[in-house]
């Protein structure tokens, strides 16, 4: 079984769903001006961009596939930290 088409399909779904979540949280931020929603938007945006960057690194670079995993994990960690921060900011 070839994993690449499945991985590309899942990355595409991550992009679409993450983009939708980021868009709706941004719209909510613009409507309310809430600092928490601004941070939430940034956090989801970082996680989504990380998935895209990791996919590009994995598919289009000559780097070891482990590098893509590290890149995605870094973006996910930063994004989740920002999302956690959004739960505490007022």
PDB file of N, CA and C in Angstrom:
ATOM      1  N   UNK A   1       0.846  -1.188   0.000  1.00  0.00           N
ATOM      2  CA  UNK A   1       0.000   0.000   0.000  1.00  0.00           C
ATOM      3  C   UNK A   1       0.887   1.246   0.000  1.00  0.00           C
ATOM      4  N   UNK A   2       0.561   2.187  -0.868  1.00  0.00           N
ATOM      5  CA  UNK A   2       1.295   3.436  -0.941  1.00  0.00           C
ATOM      6  C   UNK A   2       0.659   4.444   0.012  1.00  0.00           C
ATOM      7  N   UNK A   3       1.488   4.988   0.874  1.00  0.00           N
ATOM      8  CA  UNK A   3       1.006   5.909   1.897  1.00  0.00           C
ATOM      9  C   UNK A   3       0.907   7.339   1.368  1.00  0.00           C
ATOM     10  N   UNK A   4       1.697   7.698   0.393  1.00  0.00           N
ATOM     11  CA  UNK A   4       1.764   9.083  -0.078  1.00  0.00           C
ATOM     12  C   UNK A   4       0.413   9.663  -0.482  1.00  0.00           C
ATOM     13  N   UNK A   5      -0.409   8.993  -1.301  1.00  0.00           N
ATOM     14  CA  UNK A   5      -1.708   9.595  -1.653  1.00  0.00           C
ATOM     15  C   UNK A   5      -2.614   9.786  -0.436  1.00  0.00           C
ATOM     16  N   UNK A   6      -2.542   8.875   0.500  1.00  0.00           N
ATOM     17  CA  UNK A   6      -3.345   9.005   1.723  1.00  0.00           C
ATOM     18  C   UNK A   6      -2.853  10.196   2.533  1.00  0.00           C
ATOM     19  N   UNK A   7      -1.536  10.326   2.658  1.00  0.00           N
ATOM     20  CA  UNK A   7      -0.970  11.457   3.405  1.00  0.00           C
ATOM     21  C   UNK A   7      -1.331  12.782   2.747  1.00  0.00           C
ATOM     22  N   UNK A   8      -1.256  12.845   1.423  1.00  0.00           N
ATOM     23  CA  UNK A   8      -1.611  14.079   0.709  1.00  0.00           C
ATOM     24  C   UNK A   8      -3.088  14.400   0.918  1.00  0.00           C
ATOM     25  N   UNK A   9      -3.942  13.391   0.865  1.00  0.00           N
ATOM     26  CA  UNK A   9      -5.377  13.621   1.090  1.00  0.00           C
ATOM     27  C   UNK A   9      -5.625  14.124   2.506  1.00  0.00           C
ATOM     28  N   UNK A  10      -4.958  13.536   3.486  1.00  0.00           N
ATOM     29  CA  UNK A  10      -5.148  13.979   4.876  1.00  0.00           C
ATOM     30  C   UNK A  10      -4.586  15.383   5.105  1.00  0.00           C
ATOM     31  N   UNK A  11      -3.462  15.693   4.487  1.00  0.00           N
ATOM     32  CA  UNK A  11      -2.912  17.052   4.595  1.00  0.00           C
ATOM     33  C   UNK A  11      -3.863  18.059   3.956  1.00  0.00           C
ATOM     34  N   UNK A  12      -4.482  17.676   2.840  1.00  0.00           N
ATOM     35  CA  UNK A  12      -5.455  18.559   2.188  1.00  0.00           C
ATOM     36  C   UNK A  12      -6.651  18.807   3.098  1.00  0.00           C
ATOM     37  N   UNK A  13      -7.142  17.758   3.741  1.00  0.00           N
ATOM     38  CA  UNK A  13      -8.257  17.912   4.681  1.00  0.00           C
ATOM     39  C   UNK A  13      -7.846  18.786   5.863  1.00  0.00           C
ATOM     40  N   UNK A  14      -6.619  18.608   6.342  1.00  0.00           N
ATOM     41  CA  UNK A  14      -6.114  19.448   7.432  1.00  0.00           C
ATOM     42  C   UNK A  14      -6.093  20.912   7.006  1.00  0.00           C
ATOM     43  N   UNK A  15      -5.636  21.164   5.795  1.00  0.00           N
ATOM     44  CA  UNK A  15      -5.606  22.534   5.272  1.00  0.00           C
ATOM     45  C   UNK A  15      -7.010  23.123   5.195  1.00  0.00           C
ATOM     46  N   UNK A  16      -7.949  22.366   4.653  1.00  0.00           N
ATOM     47  CA  UNK A  16      -9.315  22.872   4.500  1.00  0.00           C
ATOM     48  C   UNK A  16      -9.994  23.098   5.854  1.00  0.00           C
ATOM     49  N   UNK A  17      -9.906  22.121   6.729  1.00  0.00           N
ATOM     50  CA  UNK A  17     -10.553  22.252   8.043  1.00  0.00           C
ATOM     51  C   UNK A  17      -9.857  23.305   8.905  1.00  0.00           C
ATOM     52  N   UNK A  18      -8.530  23.280   8.922  1.00  0.00           N
ATOM     53  CA  UNK A  18      -7.786  24.280   9.697  1.00  0.00           C
ATOM     54  C   UNK A  18      -8.013  25.681   9.159  1.00  0.00           C
ATOM     55  N   UNK A  19      -8.077  25.792   7.836  1.00  0.00           N
ATOM     56  CA  UNK A  19      -8.355  27.100   7.239  1.00  0.00           C
ATOM     57  C   UNK A  19      -9.735  27.603   7.602  1.00  0.00           C
ATOM     58  N   UNK A  20     -10.717  26.710   7.611  1.00  0.00           N
ATOM     59  CA  UNK A  20     -12.087  27.102   7.980  1.00  0.00           C
ATOM     60  C   UNK A  20     -12.151  27.546   9.443  1.00  0.00           C
ATOM     61  N   UNK A  21     -11.513  26.781  10.319  1.00  0.00           N
ATOM     62  CA  UNK A  21     -11.504  27.148  11.746  1.00  0.00           C
ATOM     63  C   UNK A  21     -10.817  28.500  11.933  1.00  0.00           C
ATOM     64  N   UNK A  22      -9.696  28.690  11.260  1.00  0.00           N
ATOM     65  CA  UNK A  22      -8.967  29.954  11.368  1.00  0.00           C
ATOM     66  C   UNK A  22      -9.816  31.108  10.842  1.00  0.00           C
ATOM     67  N   UNK A  23     -10.489  30.915   9.714  1.00  0.00           N
ATOM     68  CA  UNK A  23     -11.333  31.958   9.135  1.00  0.00           C
ATOM     69  C   UNK A  23     -12.480  32.332  10.075  1.00  0.00           C
ATOM     70  N   UNK A  24     -13.173  31.336  10.607  1.00  0.00           N
ATOM     71  CA  UNK A  24     -14.311  31.635  11.483  1.00  0.00           C
ATOM     72  C   UNK A  24     -13.869  32.271  12.797  1.00  0.00           C
ATOM     73  N   UNK A  25     -12.738  31.841  13.328  1.00  0.00           N
ATOM     74  CA  UNK A  25     -12.266  32.481  14.555  1.00  0.00           C
ATOM     75  C   UNK A  25     -11.809  33.909  14.272  1.00  0.00           C
ATOM     76  N   UNK A  26     -11.238  34.153  13.091  1.00  0.00           N
ATOM     77  CA  UNK A  26     -10.852  35.513  12.718  1.00  0.00           C
ATOM     78  C   UNK A  26     -12.074  36.408  12.569  1.00  0.00           C
ATOM     79  N   UNK A  27     -13.102  35.889  11.937  1.00  0.00           N
ATOM     80  CA  UNK A  27     -14.345  36.672  11.808  1.00  0.00           C
ATOM     81  C   UNK A  27     -14.929  36.999  13.187  1.00  0.00           C
ATOM     82  N   UNK A  28     -14.886  36.036  14.090  1.00  0.00           N
ATOM     83  CA  UNK A  28     -15.383  36.284  15.448  1.00  0.00           C
ATOM     84  C   UNK A  28     -14.524  37.335  16.142  1.00  0.00           C
ATOM     85  N   UNK A  29     -13.218  37.279  15.938  1.00  0.00           N
ATOM     86  CA  UNK A  29     -12.329  38.292  16.516  1.00  0.00           C
ATOM     87  C   UNK A  29     -12.660  39.674  15.978  1.00  0.00           C
ATOM     88  N   UNK A  30     -12.825  39.790  14.662  1.00  0.00           N
ATOM     89  CA  UNK A  30     -13.153  41.096  14.078  1.00  0.00           C
ATOM     90  C   UNK A  30     -14.473  41.635  14.595  1.00  0.00           C
ATOM     91  N   UNK A  31     -15.440  40.749  14.810  1.00  0.00           N
ATOM     92  CA  UNK A  31     -16.753  41.165  15.291  1.00  0.00           C
ATOM     93  C   UNK A  31     -16.685  41.641  16.744  1.00  0.00           C
ATOM     94  N   UNK A  32     -15.880  40.961  17.563  1.00  0.00           N
ATOM     95  CA  UNK A  32     -15.869  41.252  18.997  1.00  0.00           C
ATOM     96  C   UNK A  32     -14.662  42.060  19.459  1.00  0.00           C
ATOM     97  N   UNK A  33     -13.555  41.956  18.721  1.00  0.00           N
ATOM     98  CA  UNK A  33     -12.325  42.621  19.154  1.00  0.00           C
ATOM     99  C   UNK A  33     -11.657  41.919  20.324  1.00  0.00           C
ATOM    100  N   UNK A  34     -12.052  40.703  20.623  1.00  0.00           N
ATOM    101  CA  UNK A  34     -11.542  39.957  21.767  1.00  0.00           C
ATOM    102  C   UNK A  34     -10.092  39.521  21.553  1.00  0.00           C
ATOM    103  N   UNK A  35      -9.239  39.819  22.528  1.00  0.00           N
ATOM    104  CA  UNK A  35      -7.840  39.398  22.470  1.00  0.00           C
ATOM    105  C   UNK A  35      -7.740  37.871  22.491  1.00  0.00           C
ATOM    106  N   UNK A  36      -8.646  37.226  23.203  1.00  0.00           N
ATOM    107  CA  UNK A  36      -8.639  35.762  23.265  1.00  0.00           C
ATOM    108  C   UNK A  36      -8.914  35.160  21.893  1.00  0.00           C
ATOM    109  N   UNK A  37      -9.857  35.720  21.164  1.00  0.00           N
ATOM    110  CA  UNK A  37     -10.154  35.212  19.823  1.00  0.00           C
ATOM    111  C   UNK A  37      -9.025  35.520  18.843  1.00  0.00           C
ATOM    112  N   UNK A  38      -8.343  36.636  19.050  1.00  0.00           N
ATOM    113  CA  UNK A  38      -7.178  36.941  18.209  1.00  0.00           C
ATOM    114  C   UNK A  38      -6.095  35.884  18.416  1.00  0.00           C
ATOM    115  N   UNK A  39      -5.827  35.541  19.681  1.00  0.00           N
ATOM    116  CA  UNK A  39      -4.826  34.516  19.975  1.00  0.00           C
ATOM    117  C   UNK A  39      -5.273  33.143  19.471  1.00  0.00           C
ATOM    118  N   UNK A  40      -6.554  32.841  19.608  1.00  0.00           N
ATOM    119  CA  UNK A  40      -7.082  31.574  19.107  1.00  0.00           C
ATOM    120  C   UNK A  40      -6.884  31.475  17.592  1.00  0.00           C
ATOM    121  N   UNK A  41      -7.170  32.561  16.886  1.00  0.00           N
ATOM    122  CA  UNK A  41      -6.969  32.607  15.442  1.00  0.00           C
ATOM    123  C   UNK A  41      -5.504  32.352  15.097  1.00  0.00           C
ATOM    124  N   UNK A  42      -4.613  33.016  15.806  1.00  0.00           N
ATOM    125  CA  UNK A  42      -3.183  32.837  15.546  1.00  0.00           C
ATOM    126  C   UNK A  42      -2.759  31.392  15.806  1.00  0.00           C
ATOM    127  N   UNK A  43      -3.243  30.810  16.884  1.00  0.00           N
ATOM    128  CA  UNK A  43      -2.878  29.437  17.218  1.00  0.00           C
ATOM    129  C   UNK A  43      -3.316  28.447  16.161  1.00  0.00           C
ATOM    130  N   UNK A  44      -4.568  28.540  15.738  1.00  0.00           N
ATOM    131  CA  UNK A  44      -5.046  27.636  14.692  1.00  0.00           C
ATOM    132  C   UNK A  44      -4.333  27.903  13.374  1.00  0.00           C
ATOM    133  N   UNK A  45      -4.027  29.155  13.110  1.00  0.00           N
ATOM    134  CA  UNK A  45      -3.281  29.483  11.893  1.00  0.00           C
ATOM    135  C   UNK A  45      -1.897  28.858  11.892  1.00  0.00           C
ATOM    136  N   UNK A  46      -1.215  28.891  13.026  1.00  0.00           N
ATOM    137  CA  UNK A  46       0.121  28.302  13.126  1.00  0.00           C
ATOM    138  C   UNK A  46       0.057  26.789  12.921  1.00  0.00           C
ATOM    139  N   UNK A  47      -0.907  26.124  13.545  1.00  0.00           N
ATOM    140  CA  UNK A  47      -1.050  24.677  13.388  1.00  0.00           C
ATOM    141  C   UNK A  47      -1.325  24.334  11.918  1.00  0.00           C
ATOM    142  N   UNK A  48      -2.197  25.090  11.284  1.00  0.00           N
ATOM    143  CA  UNK A  48      -2.547  24.840   9.877  1.00  0.00           C
ATOM    144  C   UNK A  48      -1.358  25.081   8.956  1.00  0.00           C
ATOM    145  N   UNK A  49      -0.671  26.191   9.148  1.00  0.00           N
ATOM    146  CA  UNK A  49       0.500  26.489   8.321  1.00  0.00           C
ATOM    147  C   UNK A  49       1.580  25.428   8.531  1.00  0.00           C
ATOM    148  N   UNK A  50       1.723  24.956   9.760  1.00  0.00           N
ATOM    149  CA  UNK A  50       2.706  23.915  10.037  1.00  0.00           C
ATOM    150  C   UNK A  50       2.441  22.645   9.256  1.00  0.00           C
ATOM    151  N   UNK A  51       1.179  22.274   9.145  1.00  0.00           N
ATOM    152  CA  UNK A  51       0.827  21.081   8.370  1.00  0.00           C
ATOM    153  C   UNK A  51       1.177  21.280   6.897  1.00  0.00           C
ATOM    154  N   UNK A  52       0.936  22.471   6.393  1.00  0.00           N
ATOM    155  CA  UNK A  52       1.253  22.765   4.990  1.00  0.00           C
ATOM    156  C   UNK A  52       2.759  22.737   4.769  1.00  0.00           C
ATOM    157  N   UNK A  53       3.491  23.429   5.627  1.00  0.00           N
ATOM    158  CA  UNK A  53       4.949  23.491   5.484  1.00  0.00           C
ATOM    159  C   UNK A  53       5.560  22.091   5.575  1.00  0.00           C
ATOM    160  N   UNK A  54       5.087  21.290   6.521  1.00  0.00           N
ATOM    161  CA  UNK A  54       5.605  19.932   6.653  1.00  0.00           C
ATOM    162  C   UNK A  54       5.320  19.109   5.404  1.00  0.00           C
ATOM    163  N   UNK A  55       4.136  19.268   4.834  1.00  0.00           N
ATOM    164  CA  UNK A  55       3.805  18.557   3.603  1.00  0.00           C
ATOM    165  C   UNK A  55       4.700  18.962   2.452  1.00  0.00           C
ATOM    166  N   UNK A  56       4.971  20.253   2.354  1.00  0.00           N
ATOM    167  CA  UNK A  56       5.862  20.745   1.298  1.00  0.00           C
ATOM    168  C   UNK A  56       7.272  20.206   1.505  1.00  0.00           C
ATOM    169  N   UNK A  57       7.760  20.261   2.750  1.00  0.00           N
ATOM    170  CA  UNK A  57       9.096  19.742   3.045  1.00  0.00           C
ATOM    171  C   UNK A  57       9.172  18.261   2.700  1.00  0.00           C
ATOM    172  N   UNK A  58       8.141  17.524   3.051  1.00  0.00           N
ATOM    173  CA  UNK A  58       8.135  16.089   2.803  1.00  0.00           C
ATOM    174  C   UNK A  58       8.071  15.762   1.316  1.00  0.00           C
ATOM    175  N   UNK A  59       7.228  16.457   0.579  1.00  0.00           N
ATOM    176  CA  UNK A  59       6.988  16.108  -0.826  1.00  0.00           C
ATOM    177  C   UNK A  59       7.946  16.768  -1.809  1.00  0.00           C
ATOM    178  N   UNK A  60       8.402  17.963  -1.519  1.00  0.00           N
ATOM    179  CA  UNK A  60       9.143  18.726  -2.521  1.00  0.00           C
ATOM    180  C   UNK A  60      10.615  18.946  -2.197  1.00  0.00           C
ATOM    181  N   UNK A  61      11.076  18.476  -1.062  1.00  0.00           N
ATOM    182  CA  UNK A  61      12.485  18.675  -0.728  1.00  0.00           C
ATOM    183  C   UNK A  61      13.219  17.340  -0.720  1.00  0.00           C
ATOM    184  N   UNK A  62      14.515  17.440  -0.736  1.00  0.00           N
ATOM    185  CA  UNK A  62      15.345  16.243  -0.683  1.00  0.00           C
ATOM    186  C   UNK A  62      15.737  15.900   0.749  1.00  0.00           C
ATOM    187  N   UNK A  63      15.177  16.636   1.690  1.00  0.00           N
ATOM    188  CA  UNK A  63      15.491  16.384   3.097  1.00  0.00           C
ATOM    189  C   UNK A  63      14.871  15.072   3.554  1.00  0.00           C
ATOM    190  N   UNK A  64      15.425  14.531   4.604  1.00  0.00           N
ATOM    191  CA  UNK A  64      14.902  13.312   5.209  1.00  0.00           C
ATOM    192  C   UNK A  64      13.454  13.546   5.652  1.00  0.00           C
ATOM    193  N   UNK A  65      12.569  12.574   5.461  1.00  0.00           N
ATOM    194  CA  UNK A  65      11.166  12.739   5.892  1.00  0.00           C
ATOM    195  C   UNK A  65      11.015  13.039   7.381  1.00  0.00           C
ATOM    196  N   UNK A  66      12.007  12.653   8.164  1.00  0.00           N
ATOM    197  CA  UNK A  66      11.971  12.975   9.588  1.00  0.00           C
ATOM    198  C   UNK A  66      11.993  14.473   9.851  1.00  0.00           C
ATOM    199  N   UNK A  67      12.608  15.217   8.935  1.00  0.00           N
ATOM    200  CA  UNK A  67      12.645  16.681   9.069  1.00  0.00           C
ATOM    201  C   UNK A  67      11.233  17.238   8.980  1.00  0.00           C
ATOM    202  N   UNK A  68      10.429  16.707   8.073  1.00  0.00           N
ATOM    203  CA  UNK A  68       9.036  17.155   7.940  1.00  0.00           C
ATOM    204  C   UNK A  68       8.272  16.896   9.230  1.00  0.00           C
ATOM    205  N   UNK A  69       8.527  15.763   9.849  1.00  0.00           N
ATOM    206  CA  UNK A  69       7.871  15.438  11.122  1.00  0.00           C
ATOM    207  C   UNK A  69       8.270  16.426  12.208  1.00  0.00           C
ATOM    208  N   UNK A  70       9.545  16.765  12.257  1.00  0.00           N
ATOM    209  CA  UNK A  70      10.021  17.732  13.255  1.00  0.00           C
ATOM    210  C   UNK A  70       9.416  19.103  12.992  1.00  0.00           C
ATOM    211  N   UNK A  71       9.366  19.523  11.731  1.00  0.00           N
ATOM    212  CA  UNK A  71       8.781  20.823  11.372  1.00  0.00           C
ATOM    213  C   UNK A  71       7.317  20.875  11.803  1.00  0.00           C
ATOM    214  N   UNK A  72       6.564  19.839  11.455  1.00  0.00           N
ATOM    215  CA  UNK A  72       5.142  19.809  11.817  1.00  0.00           C
ATOM    216  C   UNK A  72       4.966  19.801  13.328  1.00  0.00           C
ATOM    217  N   UNK A  73       5.785  19.033  14.025  1.00  0.00           N
ATOM    218  CA  UNK A  73       5.684  18.975  15.482  1.00  0.00           C
ATOM    219  C   UNK A  73       6.005  20.324  16.120  1.00  0.00           C
ATOM    220  N   UNK A  74       6.988  21.039  15.570  1.00  0.00           N
ATOM    221  CA  UNK A  74       7.332  22.359  16.084  1.00  0.00           C
ATOM    222  C   UNK A  74       6.169  23.330  15.915  1.00  0.00           C
ATOM    223  N   UNK A  75       5.600  23.391  14.706  1.00  0.00           N
ATOM    224  CA  UNK A  75       4.466  24.282  14.459  1.00  0.00           C
ATOM    225  C   UNK A  75       3.262  23.900  15.326  1.00  0.00           C
ATOM    226  N   UNK A  76       3.014  22.610  15.470  1.00  0.00           N
ATOM    227  CA  UNK A  76       1.884  22.159  16.290  1.00  0.00           C
ATOM    228  C   UNK A  76       2.084  22.555  17.743  1.00  0.00           C
ATOM    229  N   UNK A  77       3.280  22.378  18.259  1.00  0.00           N
ATOM    230  CA  UNK A  77       3.574  22.745  19.643  1.00  0.00           C
ATOM    231  C   UNK A  77       3.385  24.240  19.872  1.00  0.00           C
ATOM    232  N   UNK A  78       3.912  25.043  18.968  1.00  0.00           N
ATOM    233  CA  UNK A  78       3.763  26.503  19.100  1.00  0.00           C
ATOM    234  C   UNK A  78       2.293  26.890  18.984  1.00  0.00           C
ATOM    235  N   UNK A  79       1.604  26.320  18.004  1.00  0.00           N
ATOM    236  CA  UNK A  79       0.185  26.637  17.820  1.00  0.00           C
ATOM    237  C   UNK A  79      -0.654  26.268  19.031  1.00  0.00           C
ATOM    238  N   UNK A  80      -0.418  25.078  19.586  1.00  0.00           N
ATOM    239  CA  UNK A  80      -1.178  24.674  20.772  1.00  0.00           C
ATOM    240  C   UNK A  80      -0.839  25.546  21.976  1.00  0.00           C
ATOM    241  N   UNK A  81       0.401  26.002  22.082  1.00  0.00           N
ATOM    242  CA  UNK A  81       0.763  26.914  23.174  1.00  0.00           C
ATOM    243  C   UNK A  81      -0.011  28.228  23.043  1.00  0.00           C
ATOM    244  N   UNK A  82      -0.151  28.725  21.817  1.00  0.00           N
ATOM    245  CA  UNK A  82      -0.903  29.955  21.590  1.00  0.00           C
ATOM    246  C   UNK A  82      -2.387  29.720  21.868  1.00  0.00           C
ATOM    247  N   UNK A  83      -2.914  28.573  21.469  1.00  0.00           N
ATOM    248  CA  UNK A  83      -4.321  28.247  21.759  1.00  0.00           C
ATOM    249  C   UNK A  83      -4.543  28.170  23.267  1.00  0.00           C
ATOM    250  N   UNK A  84      -3.611  27.541  23.974  1.00  0.00           N
ATOM    251  CA  UNK A  84      -3.726  27.473  25.441  1.00  0.00           C
ATOM    252  C   UNK A  84      -3.690  28.883  26.039  1.00  0.00           C
ATOM    253  N   UNK A  85      -2.803  29.719  25.522  1.00  0.00           N
ATOM    254  CA  UNK A  85      -2.745  31.105  25.984  1.00  0.00           C
ATOM    255  C   UNK A  85      -4.089  31.810  25.756  1.00  0.00           C
ATOM    256  N   UNK A  86      -4.736  31.526  24.629  1.00  0.00           N
ATOM    257  CA  UNK A  86      -6.002  32.183  24.317  1.00  0.00           C
ATOM    258  C   UNK A  86      -7.096  31.858  25.342  1.00  0.00           C
ATOM    259  N   UNK A  87      -6.950  30.750  26.027  1.00  0.00           N
ATOM    260  CA  UNK A  87      -7.935  30.374  27.038  1.00  0.00           C
ATOM    261  C   UNK A  87      -7.779  31.178  28.330  1.00  0.00           C
ATOM    262  N   UNK A  88      -6.615  31.824  28.485  1.00  0.00           N
ATOM    263  CA  UNK A  88      -6.344  32.564  29.718  1.00  0.00           C
ATOM    264  C   UNK A  88      -6.303  34.067  29.543  1.00  0.00           C
ATOM    265  N   UNK A  89      -6.136  34.549  28.316  1.00  0.00           N
ATOM    266  CA  UNK A  89      -6.057  35.987  28.089  1.00  0.00           C
ATOM    267  C   UNK A  89      -7.462  36.600  28.175  1.00  0.00           C
ATOM    268  N   UNK A  90      -7.495  37.841  28.604  1.00  0.00           N
ATOM    269  CA  UNK A  90      -8.808  38.501  28.711  1.00  0.00           C
ATOM    270  C   UNK A  90      -8.965  39.563  27.679  1.00  0.00           C
TER     271      UNK A  90
END
